[in-house]
């Protein structure tokens, strides 16, 4: 590995004046930039895919009795789950229920953590 770094750091092979350096050498100059772009791509989009996969799993595992928060900030308890929507009870006293798309669920609220705050 170290030998290849030294090889990359060397000056281009000397040629007679007026002759351009070999074509592979100009491509070799772009290699570090391409590597940096690839690394950033995998870090940024890899973590985004991971969080999206976790969110999709959470949405698919919604069940009756889960306490949730929607993207709009509405808190409630899941009363019924259907294919693409959930029915959420938002008010105990008036028994108010609202139907939401599953994608509108932001997170499942952990009641143990809410009580300790």
PDB file of N, CA and C in Angstrom:
ATOM      1  N   UNK A   1       0.832  -1.183   0.000  1.00  0.00           N
ATOM      2  CA  UNK A   1       0.000   0.000   0.000  1.00  0.00           C
ATOM      3  C   UNK A   1       0.875   1.245   0.000  1.00  0.00           C
ATOM      4  N   UNK A   2       1.884   1.244   0.852  1.00  0.00           N
ATOM      5  CA  UNK A   2       2.770   2.392   0.937  1.00  0.00           C
ATOM      6  C   UNK A   2       3.548   2.579  -0.360  1.00  0.00           C
ATOM      7  N   UNK A   3       3.912   1.474  -0.984  1.00  0.00           N
ATOM      8  CA  UNK A   3       4.645   1.561  -2.242  1.00  0.00           C
ATOM      9  C   UNK A   3       3.789   2.188  -3.326  1.00  0.00           C
ATOM     10  N   UNK A   4       2.486   1.865  -3.334  1.00  0.00           N
ATOM     11  CA  UNK A   4       1.614   2.451  -4.355  1.00  0.00           C
ATOM     12  C   UNK A   4       1.416   3.943  -4.117  1.00  0.00           C
ATOM     13  N   UNK A   5       1.422   4.366  -2.854  1.00  0.00           N
ATOM     14  CA  UNK A   5       1.315   5.797  -2.554  1.00  0.00           C
ATOM     15  C   UNK A   5       2.551   6.531  -3.052  1.00  0.00           C
ATOM     16  N   UNK A   6       3.732   5.944  -2.827  1.00  0.00           N
ATOM     17  CA  UNK A   6       4.956   6.569  -3.321  1.00  0.00           C
ATOM     18  C   UNK A   6       4.971   6.615  -4.838  1.00  0.00           C
ATOM     19  N   UNK A   7       4.435   5.581  -5.475  1.00  0.00           N
ATOM     20  CA  UNK A   7       4.389   5.551  -6.927  1.00  0.00           C
ATOM     21  C   UNK A   7       3.489   6.659  -7.450  1.00  0.00           C
ATOM     22  N   UNK A   8       2.366   6.893  -6.775  1.00  0.00           N
ATOM     23  CA  UNK A   8       1.458   7.949  -7.196  1.00  0.00           C
ATOM     24  C   UNK A   8       2.045   9.333  -6.961  1.00  0.00           C
ATOM     25  N   UNK A   9       2.898   9.467  -5.963  1.00  0.00           N
ATOM     26  CA  UNK A   9       3.456  10.768  -5.608  1.00  0.00           C
ATOM     27  C   UNK A   9       4.628  11.166  -6.501  1.00  0.00           C
ATOM     28  N   UNK A  10       5.119  10.268  -7.300  1.00  0.00           N
ATOM     29  CA  UNK A  10       6.274  10.573  -8.150  1.00  0.00           C
ATOM     30  C   UNK A  10       5.863  11.478  -9.302  1.00  0.00           C
ATOM     31  N   UNK A  11       6.862  12.151  -9.825  1.00  0.00           N
ATOM     32  CA  UNK A  11       6.660  12.981 -10.997  1.00  0.00           C
ATOM     33  C   UNK A  11       6.377  12.089 -12.197  1.00  0.00           C
ATOM     34  N   UNK A  12       5.723  12.641 -13.224  1.00  0.00           N
ATOM     35  CA  UNK A  12       5.452  11.834 -14.402  1.00  0.00           C
ATOM     36  C   UNK A  12       6.748  11.439 -15.097  1.00  0.00           C
ATOM     37  N   UNK A  13       6.725  10.374 -15.845  1.00  0.00           N
ATOM     38  CA  UNK A  13       7.935   9.975 -16.544  1.00  0.00           C
ATOM     39  C   UNK A  13       8.402  11.100 -17.466  1.00  0.00           C
ATOM     40  N   UNK A  14       9.679  11.279 -17.497  1.00  0.00           N
ATOM     41  CA  UNK A  14      10.209  12.364 -18.325  1.00  0.00           C
ATOM     42  C   UNK A  14      10.174  11.956 -19.788  1.00  0.00           C
ATOM     43  N   UNK A  15       9.742  12.874 -20.576  1.00  0.00           N
ATOM     44  CA  UNK A  15       9.700  12.670 -22.016  1.00  0.00           C
ATOM     45  C   UNK A  15      10.417  13.834 -22.663  1.00  0.00           C
ATOM     46  N   UNK A  16      10.615  13.720 -23.893  1.00  0.00           N
ATOM     47  CA  UNK A  16      11.292  14.827 -24.573  1.00  0.00           C
ATOM     48  C   UNK A  16      10.398  16.047 -24.567  1.00  0.00           C
ATOM     49  N   UNK A  17      10.965  17.247 -24.570  1.00  0.00           N
ATOM     50  CA  UNK A  17      10.135  18.457 -24.542  1.00  0.00           C
ATOM     51  C   UNK A  17       9.183  18.476 -25.738  1.00  0.00           C
ATOM     52  N   UNK A  18       7.976  18.878 -25.444  1.00  0.00           N
ATOM     53  CA  UNK A  18       6.988  18.960 -26.495  1.00  0.00           C
ATOM     54  C   UNK A  18       6.108  17.722 -26.590  1.00  0.00           C
ATOM     55  N   UNK A  19       6.492  16.638 -25.941  1.00  0.00           N
ATOM     56  CA  UNK A  19       5.640  15.448 -25.936  1.00  0.00           C
ATOM     57  C   UNK A  19       4.780  15.481 -24.671  1.00  0.00           C
ATOM     58  N   UNK A  20       3.478  15.263 -24.819  1.00  0.00           N
ATOM     59  CA  UNK A  20       2.618  15.291 -23.633  1.00  0.00           C
ATOM     60  C   UNK A  20       2.861  14.061 -22.765  1.00  0.00           C
ATOM     61  N   UNK A  21       2.566  14.173 -21.476  1.00  0.00           N
ATOM     62  CA  UNK A  21       2.728  13.000 -20.602  1.00  0.00           C
ATOM     63  C   UNK A  21       1.752  11.901 -21.033  1.00  0.00           C
ATOM     64  N   UNK A  22       1.990  10.682 -20.617  1.00  0.00           N
ATOM     65  CA  UNK A  22       1.095   9.583 -20.999  1.00  0.00           C
ATOM     66  C   UNK A  22      -0.337   9.855 -20.539  1.00  0.00           C
ATOM     67  N   UNK A  23      -1.293   9.292 -21.231  1.00  0.00           N
ATOM     68  CA  UNK A  23      -2.704   9.537 -20.942  1.00  0.00           C
ATOM     69  C   UNK A  23      -3.096   8.984 -19.574  1.00  0.00           C
ATOM     70  N   UNK A  24      -2.549   7.869 -19.152  1.00  0.00           N
ATOM     71  CA  UNK A  24      -2.908   7.292 -17.860  1.00  0.00           C
ATOM     72  C   UNK A  24      -2.513   8.198 -16.713  1.00  0.00           C
ATOM     73  N   UNK A  25      -1.485   9.011 -16.901  1.00  0.00           N
ATOM     74  CA  UNK A  25      -1.042   9.887 -15.821  1.00  0.00           C
ATOM     75  C   UNK A  25      -2.083  10.968 -15.545  1.00  0.00           C
ATOM     76  N   UNK A  26      -2.703  11.517 -16.568  1.00  0.00           N
ATOM     77  CA  UNK A  26      -3.727  12.545 -16.345  1.00  0.00           C
ATOM     78  C   UNK A  26      -4.952  11.945 -15.660  1.00  0.00           C
ATOM     79  N   UNK A  27      -5.265  10.690 -15.971  1.00  0.00           N
ATOM     80  CA  UNK A  27      -6.376  10.022 -15.281  1.00  0.00           C
ATOM     81  C   UNK A  27      -6.030   9.743 -13.825  1.00  0.00           C
ATOM     82  N   UNK A  28      -4.766   9.447 -13.580  1.00  0.00           N
ATOM     83  CA  UNK A  28      -4.313   9.146 -12.226  1.00  0.00           C
ATOM     84  C   UNK A  28      -4.421  10.363 -11.311  1.00  0.00           C
ATOM     85  N   UNK A  29      -4.328  11.543 -11.867  1.00  0.00           N
ATOM     86  CA  UNK A  29      -4.437  12.763 -11.062  1.00  0.00           C
ATOM     87  C   UNK A  29      -5.852  12.931 -10.491  1.00  0.00           C
ATOM     88  N   UNK A  30      -6.858  12.400 -11.178  1.00  0.00           N
ATOM     89  CA  UNK A  30      -8.241  12.527 -10.722  1.00  0.00           C
ATOM     90  C   UNK A  30      -8.649  11.431  -9.731  1.00  0.00           C
ATOM     91  N   UNK A  31      -7.830  10.429  -9.557  1.00  0.00           N
ATOM     92  CA  UNK A  31      -8.176   9.295  -8.696  1.00  0.00           C
ATOM     93  C   UNK A  31      -8.501   9.698  -7.251  1.00  0.00           C
ATOM     94  N   UNK A  32      -7.706  10.554  -6.595  1.00  0.00           N
ATOM     95  CA  UNK A  32      -8.062  10.919  -5.209  1.00  0.00           C
ATOM     96  C   UNK A  32      -9.414  11.616  -5.105  1.00  0.00           C
ATOM     97  N   UNK A  33      -9.722  12.482  -6.062  1.00  0.00           N
ATOM     98  CA  UNK A  33     -11.002  13.192  -6.021  1.00  0.00           C
ATOM     99  C   UNK A  33     -12.161  12.213  -6.216  1.00  0.00           C
ATOM    100  N   UNK A  34     -12.010  11.279  -7.123  1.00  0.00           N
ATOM    101  CA  UNK A  34     -13.050  10.276  -7.356  1.00  0.00           C
ATOM    102  C   UNK A  34     -13.246   9.429  -6.108  1.00  0.00           C
ATOM    103  N   UNK A  35     -12.167   9.046  -5.456  1.00  0.00           N
ATOM    104  CA  UNK A  35     -12.263   8.260  -4.224  1.00  0.00           C
ATOM    105  C   UNK A  35     -13.003   9.025  -3.131  1.00  0.00           C
ATOM    106  N   UNK A  36     -12.696  10.299  -2.979  1.00  0.00           N
ATOM    107  CA  UNK A  36     -13.359  11.116  -1.959  1.00  0.00           C
ATOM    108  C   UNK A  36     -14.850  11.207  -2.236  1.00  0.00           C
ATOM    109  N   UNK A  37     -15.219  11.427  -3.496  1.00  0.00           N
ATOM    110  CA  UNK A  37     -16.635  11.519  -3.858  1.00  0.00           C
ATOM    111  C   UNK A  37     -17.345  10.194  -3.579  1.00  0.00           C
ATOM    112  N   UNK A  38     -16.725   9.085  -3.903  1.00  0.00           N
ATOM    113  CA  UNK A  38     -17.341   7.777  -3.639  1.00  0.00           C
ATOM    114  C   UNK A  38     -17.545   7.530  -2.146  1.00  0.00           C
ATOM    115  N   UNK A  39     -16.563   7.896  -1.342  1.00  0.00           N
ATOM    116  CA  UNK A  39     -16.680   7.705   0.108  1.00  0.00           C
ATOM    117  C   UNK A  39     -17.828   8.547   0.664  1.00  0.00           C
ATOM    118  N   UNK A  40     -17.905   9.817   0.253  1.00  0.00           N
ATOM    119  CA  UNK A  40     -19.000  10.669   0.715  1.00  0.00           C
ATOM    120  C   UNK A  40     -20.352  10.116   0.264  1.00  0.00           C
ATOM    121  N   UNK A  41     -20.416   9.622  -0.948  1.00  0.00           N
ATOM    122  CA  UNK A  41     -21.664   9.071  -1.466  1.00  0.00           C
ATOM    123  C   UNK A  41     -22.139   7.916  -0.586  1.00  0.00           C
ATOM    124  N   UNK A  42     -21.244   7.000  -0.250  1.00  0.00           N
ATOM    125  CA  UNK A  42     -21.649   5.855   0.560  1.00  0.00           C
ATOM    126  C   UNK A  42     -21.997   6.261   1.988  1.00  0.00           C
ATOM    127  N   UNK A  43     -21.309   7.244   2.555  1.00  0.00           N
ATOM    128  CA  UNK A  43     -21.644   7.679   3.909  1.00  0.00           C
ATOM    129  C   UNK A  43     -22.993   8.382   3.952  1.00  0.00           C
ATOM    130  N   UNK A  44     -23.234   9.266   3.008  1.00  0.00           N
ATOM    131  CA  UNK A  44     -24.471  10.052   3.034  1.00  0.00           C
ATOM    132  C   UNK A  44     -25.672   9.200   2.664  1.00  0.00           C
ATOM    133  N   UNK A  45     -25.623   8.547   1.519  1.00  0.00           N
ATOM    134  CA  UNK A  45     -26.782   7.799   1.054  1.00  0.00           C
ATOM    135  C   UNK A  45     -26.933   6.462   1.766  1.00  0.00           C
ATOM    136  N   UNK A  46     -25.864   5.906   2.263  1.00  0.00           N
ATOM    137  CA  UNK A  46     -25.955   4.656   3.014  1.00  0.00           C
ATOM    138  C   UNK A  46     -26.709   4.850   4.317  1.00  0.00           C
ATOM    139  N   UNK A  47     -26.412   5.937   5.038  1.00  0.00           N
ATOM    140  CA  UNK A  47     -27.110   6.183   6.300  1.00  0.00           C
ATOM    141  C   UNK A  47     -28.563   6.575   6.047  1.00  0.00           C
ATOM    142  N   UNK A  48     -28.810   7.264   4.945  1.00  0.00           N
ATOM    143  CA  UNK A  48     -30.189   7.634   4.623  1.00  0.00           C
ATOM    144  C   UNK A  48     -31.021   6.389   4.337  1.00  0.00           C
ATOM    145  N   UNK A  49     -30.461   5.446   3.595  1.00  0.00           N
ATOM    146  CA  UNK A  49     -31.176   4.201   3.315  1.00  0.00           C
ATOM    147  C   UNK A  49     -31.443   3.431   4.599  1.00  0.00           C
ATOM    148  N   UNK A  50     -30.490   3.443   5.513  1.00  0.00           N
ATOM    149  CA  UNK A  50     -30.638   2.707   6.767  1.00  0.00           C
ATOM    150  C   UNK A  50     -31.776   3.295   7.609  1.00  0.00           C
ATOM    151  N   UNK A  51     -31.817   4.624   7.745  1.00  0.00           N
ATOM    152  CA  UNK A  51     -32.872   5.244   8.539  1.00  0.00           C
ATOM    153  C   UNK A  51     -34.234   5.075   7.881  1.00  0.00           C
ATOM    154  N   UNK A  52     -34.289   5.131   6.554  1.00  0.00           N
ATOM    155  CA  UNK A  52     -35.563   4.928   5.855  1.00  0.00           C
ATOM    156  C   UNK A  52     -36.064   3.497   6.042  1.00  0.00           C
ATOM    157  N   UNK A  53     -35.150   2.540   6.038  1.00  0.00           N
ATOM    158  CA  UNK A  53     -35.517   1.138   6.254  1.00  0.00           C
ATOM    159  C   UNK A  53     -36.057   0.948   7.680  1.00  0.00           C
ATOM    160  N   UNK A  54     -35.418   1.574   8.676  1.00  0.00           N
ATOM    161  CA  UNK A  54     -35.884   1.475  10.060  1.00  0.00           C
ATOM    162  C   UNK A  54     -37.269   2.087  10.216  1.00  0.00           C
ATOM    163  N   UNK A  55     -37.507   3.231   9.557  1.00  0.00           N
ATOM    164  CA  UNK A  55     -38.804   3.895   9.643  1.00  0.00           C
ATOM    165  C   UNK A  55     -39.880   3.023   9.005  1.00  0.00           C
ATOM    166  N   UNK A  56     -39.571   2.421   7.852  1.00  0.00           N
ATOM    167  CA  UNK A  56     -40.543   1.555   7.180  1.00  0.00           C
ATOM    168  C   UNK A  56     -40.887   0.348   8.047  1.00  0.00           C
ATOM    169  N   UNK A  57     -39.905  -0.227   8.727  1.00  0.00           N
ATOM    170  CA  UNK A  57     -40.163  -1.347   9.634  1.00  0.00           C
ATOM    171  C   UNK A  57     -41.076  -0.916  10.776  1.00  0.00           C
ATOM    172  N   UNK A  58     -40.818   0.287  11.328  1.00  0.00           N
ATOM    173  CA  UNK A  58     -41.632   0.803  12.423  1.00  0.00           C
ATOM    174  C   UNK A  58     -43.078   0.990  11.957  1.00  0.00           C
ATOM    175  N   UNK A  59     -43.272   1.522  10.764  1.00  0.00           N
ATOM    176  CA  UNK A  59     -44.622   1.736  10.238  1.00  0.00           C
ATOM    177  C   UNK A  59     -45.330   0.401  10.005  1.00  0.00           C
ATOM    178  N   UNK A  60     -44.599  -0.577   9.497  1.00  0.00           N
ATOM    179  CA  UNK A  60     -45.202  -1.883   9.232  1.00  0.00           C
ATOM    180  C   UNK A  60     -45.565  -2.632  10.508  1.00  0.00           C
ATOM    181  N   UNK A  61     -44.903  -2.324  11.628  1.00  0.00           N
ATOM    182  CA  UNK A  61     -45.141  -3.028  12.883  1.00  0.00           C
ATOM    183  C   UNK A  61     -46.130  -2.310  13.797  1.00  0.00           C
ATOM    184  N   UNK A  62     -46.821  -1.283  13.296  1.00  0.00           N
ATOM    185  CA  UNK A  62     -47.817  -0.596  14.122  1.00  0.00           C
ATOM    186  C   UNK A  62     -48.929  -1.571  14.497  1.00  0.00           C
ATOM    187  N   UNK A  63     -49.356  -1.479  15.747  1.00  0.00           N
ATOM    188  CA  UNK A  63     -50.424  -2.365  16.200  1.00  0.00           C
ATOM    189  C   UNK A  63     -51.350  -1.594  17.139  1.00  0.00           C
ATOM    190  N   UNK A  64     -52.483  -2.179  17.412  1.00  0.00           N
ATOM    191  CA  UNK A  64     -53.475  -1.563  18.286  1.00  0.00           C
ATOM    192  C   UNK A  64     -52.860  -1.325  19.666  1.00  0.00           C
ATOM    193  N   UNK A  65     -53.074  -0.123  20.182  1.00  0.00           N
ATOM    194  CA  UNK A  65     -52.575   0.224  21.510  1.00  0.00           C
ATOM    195  C   UNK A  65     -51.263   0.996  21.500  1.00  0.00           C
ATOM    196  N   UNK A  66     -50.590   1.084  20.355  1.00  0.00           N
ATOM    197  CA  UNK A  66     -49.343   1.854  20.275  1.00  0.00           C
ATOM    198  C   UNK A  66     -49.645   3.342  20.400  1.00  0.00           C
ATOM    199  N   UNK A  67     -48.822   4.028  21.162  1.00  0.00           N
ATOM    200  CA  UNK A  67     -48.934   5.481  21.300  1.00  0.00           C
ATOM    201  C   UNK A  67     -48.014   6.071  20.236  1.00  0.00           C
ATOM    202  N   UNK A  68     -48.569   6.935  19.352  1.00  0.00           N
ATOM    203  CA  UNK A  68     -47.797   7.458  18.232  1.00  0.00           C
ATOM    204  C   UNK A  68     -47.835   8.978  18.176  1.00  0.00           C
ATOM    205  N   UNK A  69     -46.926   9.533  17.399  1.00  0.00           N
ATOM    206  CA  UNK A  69     -46.912  10.949  17.066  1.00  0.00           C
ATOM    207  C   UNK A  69     -46.872  11.057  15.554  1.00  0.00           C
ATOM    208  N   UNK A  70     -47.760  11.877  14.999  1.00  0.00           N
ATOM    209  CA  UNK A  70     -47.787  12.039  13.547  1.00  0.00           C
ATOM    210  C   UNK A  70     -46.765  13.092  13.129  1.00  0.00           C
ATOM    211  N   UNK A  71     -46.575  13.212  11.825  1.00  0.00           N
ATOM    212  CA  UNK A  71     -45.655  14.219  11.299  1.00  0.00           C
ATOM    213  C   UNK A  71     -46.114  15.624  11.692  1.00  0.00           C
ATOM    214  N   UNK A  72     -47.424  15.818  11.799  1.00  0.00           N
ATOM    215  CA  UNK A  72     -47.971  17.117  12.188  1.00  0.00           C
ATOM    216  C   UNK A  72     -47.927  17.375  13.682  1.00  0.00           C
ATOM    217  N   UNK A  73     -47.479  16.406  14.475  1.00  0.00           N
ATOM    218  CA  UNK A  73     -47.340  16.597  15.913  1.00  0.00           C
ATOM    219  C   UNK A  73     -48.526  16.118  16.725  1.00  0.00           C
ATOM    220  N   UNK A  74     -49.498  15.491  16.113  1.00  0.00           N
ATOM    221  CA  UNK A  74     -50.672  14.997  16.832  1.00  0.00           C
ATOM    222  C   UNK A  74     -50.301  13.706  17.548  1.00  0.00           C
ATOM    223  N   UNK A  75     -50.608  13.663  18.845  1.00  0.00           N
ATOM    224  CA  UNK A  75     -50.354  12.476  19.653  1.00  0.00           C
ATOM    225  C   UNK A  75     -51.651  11.693  19.816  1.00  0.00           C
ATOM    226  N   UNK A  76     -51.549  10.377  19.794  1.00  0.00           N
ATOM    227  CA  UNK A  76     -52.731   9.564  19.964  1.00  0.00           C
ATOM    228  C   UNK A  76     -52.388   8.094  20.120  1.00  0.00           C
ATOM    229  N   UNK A  77     -53.436   7.295  20.282  1.00  0.00           N
ATOM    230  CA  UNK A  77     -53.282   5.854  20.456  1.00  0.00           C
ATOM    231  C   UNK A  77     -53.927   5.147  19.271  1.00  0.00           C
ATOM    232  N   UNK A  78     -53.218   4.173  18.708  1.00  0.00           N
ATOM    233  CA  UNK A  78     -53.737   3.424  17.563  1.00  0.00           C
ATOM    234  C   UNK A  78     -54.915   2.571  18.027  1.00  0.00           C
ATOM    235  N   UNK A  79     -56.041   2.724  17.346  1.00  0.00           N
ATOM    236  CA  UNK A  79     -57.244   1.958  17.650  1.00  0.00           C
ATOM    237  C   UNK A  79     -57.417   0.832  16.641  1.00  0.00           C
ATOM    238  N   UNK A  80     -57.068   1.115  15.393  1.00  0.00           N
ATOM    239  CA  UNK A  80     -57.261   0.135  14.326  1.00  0.00           C
ATOM    240  C   UNK A  80     -56.200   0.355  13.253  1.00  0.00           C
ATOM    241  N   UNK A  81     -55.708  -0.748  12.685  1.00  0.00           N
ATOM    242  CA  UNK A  81     -54.756  -0.649  11.578  1.00  0.00           C
ATOM    243  C   UNK A  81     -55.356  -1.312  10.350  1.00  0.00           C
ATOM    244  N   UNK A  82     -55.148  -0.671   9.226  1.00  0.00           N
ATOM    245  CA  UNK A  82     -55.596  -1.212   7.937  1.00  0.00           C
ATOM    246  C   UNK A  82     -54.385  -1.284   7.030  1.00  0.00           C
ATOM    247  N   UNK A  83     -54.611  -1.613   5.753  1.00  0.00           N
ATOM    248  CA  UNK A  83     -53.486  -1.764   4.821  1.00  0.00           C
ATOM    249  C   UNK A  83     -52.626  -0.502   4.732  1.00  0.00           C
ATOM    250  N   UNK A  84     -53.239   0.621   4.381  1.00  0.00           N
ATOM    251  CA  UNK A  84     -52.478   1.852   4.164  1.00  0.00           C
ATOM    252  C   UNK A  84     -52.839   2.958   5.145  1.00  0.00           C
ATOM    253  N   UNK A  85     -53.626   2.670   6.138  1.00  0.00           N
ATOM    254  CA  UNK A  85     -54.016   3.721   7.080  1.00  0.00           C
ATOM    255  C   UNK A  85     -54.181   3.165   8.485  1.00  0.00           C
ATOM    256  N   UNK A  86     -54.164   4.097   9.444  1.00  0.00           N
ATOM    257  CA  UNK A  86     -54.384   3.753  10.845  1.00  0.00           C
ATOM    258  C   UNK A  86     -55.448   4.692  11.403  1.00  0.00           C
ATOM    259  N   UNK A  87     -56.251   4.179  12.335  1.00  0.00           N
ATOM    260  CA  UNK A  87     -57.234   5.004  13.031  1.00  0.00           C
ATOM    261  C   UNK A  87     -56.659   5.281  14.415  1.00  0.00           C
ATOM    262  N   UNK A  88     -56.582   6.583  14.743  1.00  0.00           N
ATOM    263  CA  UNK A  88     -55.929   7.011  15.976  1.00  0.00           C
ATOM    264  C   UNK A  88     -56.930   7.743  16.859  1.00  0.00           C
ATOM    265  N   UNK A  89     -56.992   7.343  18.129  1.00  0.00           N
ATOM    266  CA  UNK A  89     -57.833   8.042  19.113  1.00  0.00           C
ATOM    267  C   UNK A  89     -56.990   9.165  19.696  1.00  0.00           C
ATOM    268  N   UNK A  90     -57.456  10.404  19.507  1.00  0.00           N
ATOM    269  CA  UNK A  90     -56.671  11.553  19.954  1.00  0.00           C
ATOM    270  C   UNK A  90     -57.211  12.193  21.226  1.00  0.00           C
ATOM    271  N   UNK A  91     -58.472  11.902  21.588  1.00  0.00           N
ATOM    272  CA  UNK A  91     -59.042  12.491  22.798  1.00  0.00           C
ATOM    273  C   UNK A  91     -59.868  11.435  23.523  1.00  0.00           C
ATOM    274  N   UNK A  92     -59.506  11.161  24.758  1.00  0.00           N
ATOM    275  CA  UNK A  92     -60.196  10.141  25.554  1.00  0.00           C
ATOM    276  C   UNK A  92     -61.589  10.598  25.988  1.00  0.00           C
ATOM    277  N   UNK A  93     -61.729  11.862  26.361  1.00  0.00           N
ATOM    278  CA  UNK A  93     -63.004  12.316  26.929  1.00  0.00           C
ATOM    279  C   UNK A  93     -64.116  12.355  25.879  1.00  0.00           C
ATOM    280  N   UNK A  94     -63.821  12.812  24.675  1.00  0.00           N
ATOM    281  CA  UNK A  94     -64.866  12.885  23.646  1.00  0.00           C
ATOM    282  C   UNK A  94     -64.780  11.735  22.648  1.00  0.00           C
ATOM    283  N   UNK A  95     -63.853  10.807  22.869  1.00  0.00           N
ATOM    284  CA  UNK A  95     -63.686   9.631  22.021  1.00  0.00           C
ATOM    285  C   UNK A  95     -63.456  10.017  20.555  1.00  0.00           C
ATOM    286  N   UNK A  96     -62.629  11.049  20.334  1.00  0.00           N
ATOM    287  CA  UNK A  96     -62.345  11.532  18.984  1.00  0.00           C
ATOM    288  C   UNK A  96     -61.317  10.641  18.314  1.00  0.00           C
ATOM    289  N   UNK A  97     -61.663  10.188  17.100  1.00  0.00           N
ATOM    290  CA  UNK A  97     -60.761   9.331  16.328  1.00  0.00           C
ATOM    291  C   UNK A  97     -60.489   9.989  14.985  1.00  0.00           C
ATOM    292  N   UNK A  98     -59.250   9.873  14.523  1.00  0.00           N
ATOM    293  CA  UNK A  98     -58.846  10.427  13.230  1.00  0.00           C
ATOM    294  C   UNK A  98     -58.167   9.320  12.432  1.00  0.00           C
ATOM    295  N   UNK A  99     -58.450   9.298  11.140  1.00  0.00           N
ATOM    296  CA  UNK A  99     -57.822   8.325  10.250  1.00  0.00           C
ATOM    297  C   UNK A  99     -56.618   8.986   9.573  1.00  0.00           C
ATOM    298  N   UNK A 100     -55.468   8.307   9.625  1.00  0.00           N
ATOM    299  CA  UNK A 100     -54.238   8.807   9.018  1.00  0.00           C
ATOM    300  C   UNK A 100     -53.675   7.778   8.056  1.00  0.00           C
ATOM    301  N   UNK A 101     -52.940   8.267   7.089  1.00  0.00           N
ATOM    302  CA  UNK A 101     -52.150   7.384   6.240  1.00  0.00           C
ATOM    303  C   UNK A 101     -50.996   6.858   7.089  1.00  0.00           C
ATOM    304  N   UNK A 102     -50.559   5.627   6.839  1.00  0.00           N
ATOM    305  CA  UNK A 102     -49.438   5.076   7.614  1.00  0.00           C
ATOM    306  C   UNK A 102     -48.178   5.929   7.469  1.00  0.00           C
ATOM    307  N   UNK A 103     -48.001   6.539   6.308  1.00  0.00           N
ATOM    308  CA  UNK A 103     -46.797   7.349   6.093  1.00  0.00           C
ATOM    309  C   UNK A 103     -46.824   8.646   6.899  1.00  0.00           C
ATOM    310  N   UNK A 104     -47.978   9.017   7.464  1.00  0.00           N
ATOM    311  CA  UNK A 104     -48.065  10.224   8.280  1.00  0.00           C
ATOM    312  C   UNK A 104     -47.590   9.991   9.709  1.00  0.00           C
ATOM    313  N   UNK A 105     -47.327   8.743  10.072  1.00  0.00           N
ATOM    314  CA  UNK A 105     -46.835   8.435  11.419  1.00  0.00           C
ATOM    315  C   UNK A 105     -45.352   8.754  11.478  1.00  0.00           C
ATOM    316  N   UNK A 106     -44.976   9.616  12.406  1.00  0.00           N
ATOM    317  CA  UNK A 106     -43.581  10.018  12.539  1.00  0.00           C
ATOM    318  C   UNK A 106     -42.809   9.053  13.421  1.00  0.00           C
ATOM    319  N   UNK A 107     -43.377   8.721  14.578  1.00  0.00           N
ATOM    320  CA  UNK A 107     -42.681   7.810  15.487  1.00  0.00           C
ATOM    321  C   UNK A 107     -43.653   7.211  16.483  1.00  0.00           C
ATOM    322  N   UNK A 108     -43.222   6.103  17.051  1.00  0.00           N
ATOM    323  CA  UNK A 108     -43.951   5.477  18.142  1.00  0.00           C
ATOM    324  C   UNK A 108     -43.368   6.050  19.429  1.00  0.00           C
ATOM    325  N   UNK A 109     -44.242   6.625  20.259  1.00  0.00           N
ATOM    326  CA  UNK A 109     -43.790   7.275  21.492  1.00  0.00           C
ATOM    327  C   UNK A 109     -43.631   6.212  22.559  1.00  0.00           C
ATOM    328  N   UNK A 110     -42.458   6.150  23.169  1.00  0.00           N
ATOM    329  CA  UNK A 110     -42.205   5.186  24.241  1.00  0.00           C
ATOM    330  C   UNK A 110     -42.680   5.827  25.534  1.00  0.00           C
ATOM    331  N   UNK A 111     -43.715   5.250  26.142  1.00  0.00           N
ATOM    332  CA  UNK A 111     -44.310   5.842  27.333  1.00  0.00           C
ATOM    333  C   UNK A 111     -43.388   5.811  28.540  1.00  0.00           C
ATOM    334  N   UNK A 112     -42.471   4.821  28.622  1.00  0.00           N
ATOM    335  CA  UNK A 112     -41.535   4.764  29.732  1.00  0.00           C
ATOM    336  C   UNK A 112     -40.607   5.971  29.725  1.00  0.00           C
ATOM    337  N   UNK A 113     -40.138   6.363  28.567  1.00  0.00           N
ATOM    338  CA  UNK A 113     -39.256   7.530  28.456  1.00  0.00           C
ATOM    339  C   UNK A 113     -40.016   8.824  28.725  1.00  0.00           C
ATOM    340  N   UNK A 114     -41.282   8.886  28.312  1.00  0.00           N
ATOM    341  CA  UNK A 114     -42.082  10.104  28.502  1.00  0.00           C
ATOM    342  C   UNK A 114     -42.351  10.332  29.980  1.00  0.00           C
ATOM    343  N   UNK A 115     -42.530   9.266  30.762  1.00  0.00           N
ATOM    344  CA  UNK A 115     -42.825   9.413  32.177  1.00  0.00           C
ATOM    345  C   UNK A 115     -41.611   9.862  32.975  1.00  0.00           C
ATOM    346  N   UNK A 116     -40.408   9.516  32.540  1.00  0.00           N
ATOM    347  CA  UNK A 116     -39.208   9.869  33.297  1.00  0.00           C
ATOM    348  C   UNK A 116     -38.784  11.312  33.078  1.00  0.00           C
ATOM    349  N   UNK A 117     -39.284  11.962  32.047  1.00  0.00           N
ATOM    350  CA  UNK A 117     -38.883  13.363  31.760  1.00  0.00           C
ATOM    351  C   UNK A 117     -39.588  14.349  32.631  1.00  0.00           C
TER     352      UNK A 117
END
